């Protein structure tokens, strides 16, 4: 493919605006430093995604600086190299068709759990609500190809969690769209911090599975405005 099809022009431009704005939420919520981390969005109706360019500081990110690639990481639109995590994002989109957004951060507390290769136990109603159980750990994988993406897909397939702690790397989150994936990134850092603080005073008790299931069903199907 050479360039974005004209039929997708309006949608791609809208997603560039959205993805640029969502990137600003990562440093605002103290989830990244310098140029680390990324947000992407699937382009509906095509095997394309919108993501930030590699190595560009957050204060310089604009809709115009966002790049478009295919799921193999090939640049389709933009004048900068895409994020080094583009292969991982593309693999997720290619193998999880319900996913519309992917986020990666190096947020302090969630990354600390990833460094220990330890899942975050479901000891809070907020974890049950948002993640439906323990937040899992994915395998260690090197950056540069789709290995990270494979680990994300293998870990989250069949899981209710929109977050995975990639071993000795950091959290990746998914969502029905990019905004939902950013929300999950904010939430995983919040609960990672809270459970870490709780463990300083003893091991917290995991919620009973029946209560986790009930809380998850209520939050996903009843809570909020429809």
Protein backbone atom coordinates (compact mmCIF):
# COMPACT_ATOMS: atom_id res chain seq x y z
CA UNK A 1 0.00 0.00 0.00
CA UNK A 2 1.30 3.46 -0.86
CA UNK A 3 -0.40 6.15 1.18
CA UNK A 4 -3.73 6.26 2.96
CA UNK A 5 -6.72 5.51 0.72
CA UNK A 6 -8.87 8.57 0.15
CA UNK A 7 -11.88 6.71 1.52
CA UNK A 8 -10.12 6.56 4.91
CA UNK A 9 -8.74 10.11 4.88
CA UNK A 10 -11.27 11.65 7.26
CA UNK A 11 -11.06 8.75 9.74
CA UNK A 12 -7.25 8.73 9.75
CA UNK A 13 -7.15 12.48 10.35
CA UNK A 14 -9.63 12.08 13.22
CA UNK A 15 -7.54 9.32 14.76
CA UNK A 16 -4.36 11.41 14.47
CA UNK A 17 -6.07 14.14 16.48
CA UNK A 18 -7.30 11.63 19.06
CA UNK A 19 -4.03 9.73 19.41
CA UNK A 20 -2.01 12.95 19.75
CA UNK A 21 -4.33 14.16 22.52
CA UNK A 22 -4.22 10.80 24.31
CA UNK A 23 -0.42 10.80 24.30
CA UNK A 24 -0.55 13.96 26.43
CA UNK A 25 -2.37 11.97 29.13
CA UNK A 26 0.62 9.67 29.67
CA UNK A 27 3.02 12.27 31.13
CA UNK A 28 0.07 14.05 32.76
CA UNK A 29 -0.62 10.86 34.75
CA UNK A 30 3.11 10.24 35.36
CA UNK A 31 3.10 7.04 33.32
CA UNK A 32 6.16 7.84 31.15
CA UNK A 33 9.38 9.83 31.12
CA UNK A 34 11.18 11.51 28.24
CA UNK A 35 10.18 9.69 25.00
CA UNK A 36 9.18 6.31 26.49
CA UNK A 37 5.73 4.85 25.90
CA UNK A 38 3.19 5.01 23.10
CA UNK A 39 -0.49 5.00 22.20
CA UNK A 40 -1.91 3.57 18.99
CA UNK A 41 -5.32 3.26 17.38
CA UNK A 42 -6.59 0.80 14.80
CA UNK A 43 -7.92 2.35 11.58
CA UNK A 44 -11.35 0.76 11.07
CA UNK A 45 -11.79 -0.90 7.70
CA UNK A 46 -8.09 -1.37 6.98
CA UNK A 47 -5.03 -3.18 8.34
CA UNK A 48 -3.56 0.14 9.45
CA UNK A 49 -2.74 1.84 12.73
CA UNK A 50 -1.90 5.35 13.92
CA UNK A 51 0.99 5.69 16.38
CA UNK A 52 3.57 8.23 17.51
CA UNK A 53 7.00 8.50 15.86
CA UNK A 54 10.05 7.05 17.57
CA UNK A 55 12.17 9.13 19.93
CA UNK A 56 10.10 12.34 19.81
CA UNK A 57 9.43 14.12 23.10
CA UNK A 58 5.82 14.47 24.20
CA UNK A 59 5.83 18.26 24.01
CA UNK A 60 6.49 18.02 20.27
CA UNK A 61 3.76 15.51 19.46
CA UNK A 62 1.01 16.94 17.26
CA UNK A 63 -1.63 15.33 15.04
CA UNK A 64 0.60 16.10 12.07
CA UNK A 65 3.53 14.23 13.61
CA UNK A 66 1.58 10.99 14.07
CA UNK A 67 2.48 8.25 11.61
CA UNK A 68 0.42 5.54 9.92
CA UNK A 69 1.75 2.01 9.39
CA UNK A 70 0.41 -1.34 8.36
CA UNK A 71 0.31 -4.20 10.86
CA UNK A 72 3.82 -5.28 9.82
CA UNK A 73 5.21 -1.88 10.81
CA UNK A 74 5.70 -0.61 7.26
CA UNK A 75 5.34 3.17 7.09
CA UNK A 76 2.30 4.19 5.07
CA UNK A 77 2.13 7.88 5.95
CA UNK A 78 4.48 10.22 7.80
CA UNK A 79 8.03 11.53 7.54
CA UNK A 80 9.45 9.94 10.71
CA UNK A 81 10.20 6.36 11.74
CA UNK A 82 7.35 4.86 13.77
CA UNK A 83 7.65 3.86 17.43
CA UNK A 84 9.92 0.90 18.11
CA UNK A 85 6.89 -0.87 19.61
CA UNK A 86 4.88 -0.67 16.37
CA UNK A 87 5.49 -4.35 15.59
CA UNK A 88 3.95 -5.32 18.92
CA UNK A 89 0.91 -3.09 18.38
CA UNK A 90 0.42 -4.42 14.85
CA UNK A 91 0.59 -8.04 15.99
CA UNK A 92 -2.09 -7.37 18.60
CA UNK A 93 -4.40 -5.78 16.04
CA UNK A 94 -3.81 -8.60 13.55
CA UNK A 95 -4.65 -11.31 16.10
CA UNK A 96 -7.21 -9.60 18.37
CA UNK A 97 -9.84 -8.09 16.06
CA UNK A 98 -11.90 -6.71 18.96
CA UNK A 99 -9.00 -4.44 20.03
CA UNK A 100 -9.12 -0.86 18.78
CA UNK A 101 -6.36 0.69 20.91
CA UNK A 102 -3.04 -0.34 22.46
CA UNK A 103 -0.92 1.52 25.03
CA UNK A 104 2.55 0.88 26.41
CA UNK A 105 4.07 2.71 29.38
CA UNK A 106 6.94 2.30 31.82
CA UNK A 107 4.90 3.53 34.79
CA UNK A 108 6.85 3.08 38.02
CA UNK A 109 4.77 0.71 40.12
CA UNK A 110 3.36 -1.48 37.36
CA UNK A 111 6.84 -1.80 35.89
CA UNK A 112 8.20 -2.77 39.32
CA UNK A 113 5.74 -5.69 39.38
CA UNK A 114 6.86 -6.58 35.84
CA UNK A 115 10.50 -6.48 36.98
CA UNK A 116 9.65 -9.10 39.61
CA UNK A 117 7.65 -11.11 37.04
CA UNK A 118 4.81 -11.09 39.53
CA UNK A 119 1.09 -10.73 38.71
CA UNK A 120 -0.88 -8.13 40.62
CA UNK A 121 -3.37 -10.10 42.76
CA UNK A 122 -7.04 -9.21 42.73
CA UNK A 123 -7.26 -7.86 46.26
CA UNK A 124 -9.31 -4.71 45.52
CA UNK A 125 -12.77 -4.11 44.13
CA UNK A 126 -11.17 -1.74 41.58
CA UNK A 127 -9.04 -4.59 40.24
CA UNK A 128 -12.09 -6.85 39.99
CA UNK A 129 -14.08 -4.08 38.26
CA UNK A 130 -11.55 -3.14 35.63
CA UNK A 131 -9.42 -6.26 35.19
CA UNK A 132 -11.74 -9.12 36.16
CA UNK A 133 -9.09 -10.87 38.22
CA UNK A 134 -5.34 -10.90 38.71
CA UNK A 135 -3.35 -8.73 36.29
CA UNK A 136 -1.17 -11.28 34.48
CA UNK A 137 2.53 -11.33 33.61
CA UNK A 138 3.61 -11.99 30.04
CA UNK A 139 6.88 -13.54 28.89
CA UNK A 140 10.13 -11.67 28.49
CA UNK A 141 10.68 -10.61 24.87
CA UNK A 142 13.17 -8.40 23.08
CA UNK A 143 12.12 -5.24 21.23
CA UNK A 144 12.51 -5.14 17.45
CA UNK A 145 10.07 -7.67 16.03
CA UNK A 146 6.64 -9.08 16.89
CA UNK A 147 7.87 -11.13 19.89
CA UNK A 148 6.32 -8.72 22.38
CA UNK A 149 3.06 -8.75 20.45
CA UNK A 150 2.98 -12.54 20.50
CA UNK A 151 3.49 -12.50 24.26
CA UNK A 152 0.68 -9.99 24.74
CA UNK A 153 -1.75 -11.99 22.62
CA UNK A 154 -0.83 -15.32 24.22
CA UNK A 155 -1.26 -13.90 27.72
CA UNK A 156 -4.46 -11.93 27.19
CA UNK A 157 -6.31 -14.42 24.98
CA UNK A 158 -9.06 -15.82 27.21
CA UNK A 159 -8.29 -13.31 29.96
CA UNK A 160 -10.66 -10.57 31.11
CA UNK A 161 -7.74 -8.29 31.88
CA UNK A 162 -7.05 -5.38 29.49
CA UNK A 163 -3.51 -5.19 30.90
CA UNK A 164 -0.46 -7.43 30.85
CA UNK A 165 2.83 -6.85 32.66
CA UNK A 166 5.47 -7.92 30.16
CA UNK A 167 8.27 -9.47 32.19
CA UNK A 168 11.13 -7.09 32.98
CA UNK A 169 9.71 -4.56 30.53
CA UNK A 170 6.46 -2.91 31.56
CA UNK A 171 2.69 -2.78 31.12
CA UNK A 172 0.81 -3.01 27.84
CA UNK A 173 -2.93 -2.34 27.79
CA UNK A 174 -5.66 -2.89 25.23
CA UNK A 175 -9.16 -1.50 24.75
CA UNK A 176 -12.08 -1.23 22.38
CA UNK A 177 -10.51 2.07 21.36
CA UNK A 178 -7.39 4.04 22.23
CA UNK A 179 -9.10 5.98 25.02
CA UNK A 180 -10.13 2.75 26.76
CA UNK A 181 -6.56 1.47 26.51
CA UNK A 182 -5.25 4.70 28.08
CA UNK A 183 -7.78 4.36 30.89
CA UNK A 184 -6.53 0.82 31.56
CA UNK A 185 -2.93 2.12 31.64
CA UNK A 186 -3.88 4.72 34.25
CA UNK A 187 -5.81 2.16 36.28
CA UNK A 188 -3.09 -0.51 36.25
CA UNK A 189 -0.56 1.95 37.64
CA UNK A 190 -3.00 3.08 40.34
CA UNK A 191 -3.73 -0.43 41.60
CA UNK A 192 -0.08 -1.48 41.29
CA UNK A 193 0.84 1.35 43.64
CA UNK A 194 -1.97 0.63 46.10
CA UNK A 195 -1.24 -3.10 46.36
CA UNK A 196 2.47 -2.36 46.76
CA UNK A 197 1.68 -0.05 49.69
CA UNK A 198 -0.69 -2.60 51.24
CA UNK A 199 1.95 -5.34 51.10
CA UNK A 200 4.28 -3.24 53.23
CA UNK A 201 1.97 -4.15 56.13
CA UNK A 202 1.34 -7.78 55.25
CA UNK A 203 0.00 -9.86 52.38
CA UNK A 204 -3.51 -8.68 51.43
CA UNK A 205 -6.20 -11.32 50.96
CA UNK A 206 -7.36 -12.05 47.42
CA UNK A 207 -11.07 -11.49 46.84
CA UNK A 208 -13.24 -14.58 46.55
CA UNK A 209 -13.77 -15.60 42.92
CA UNK A 210 -17.56 -15.29 43.18
CA UNK A 211 -17.19 -11.71 44.38
CA UNK A 212 -14.72 -10.92 41.60
CA UNK A 213 -17.16 -12.25 39.01
CA UNK A 214 -20.05 -10.26 40.50
CA UNK A 215 -18.06 -7.03 40.70
CA UNK A 216 -16.76 -7.40 37.15
CA UNK A 217 -20.22 -8.06 35.72
CA UNK A 218 -21.71 -5.04 37.51
CA UNK A 219 -18.94 -2.68 36.48
CA UNK A 220 -18.87 -3.80 32.86
CA UNK A 221 -22.63 -3.96 32.32
CA UNK A 222 -24.35 -1.64 34.82
CA UNK A 223 -21.95 1.06 36.02
CA UNK A 224 -21.92 4.49 34.32
CA UNK A 225 -24.06 6.04 31.62
CA UNK A 226 -25.24 3.94 28.70
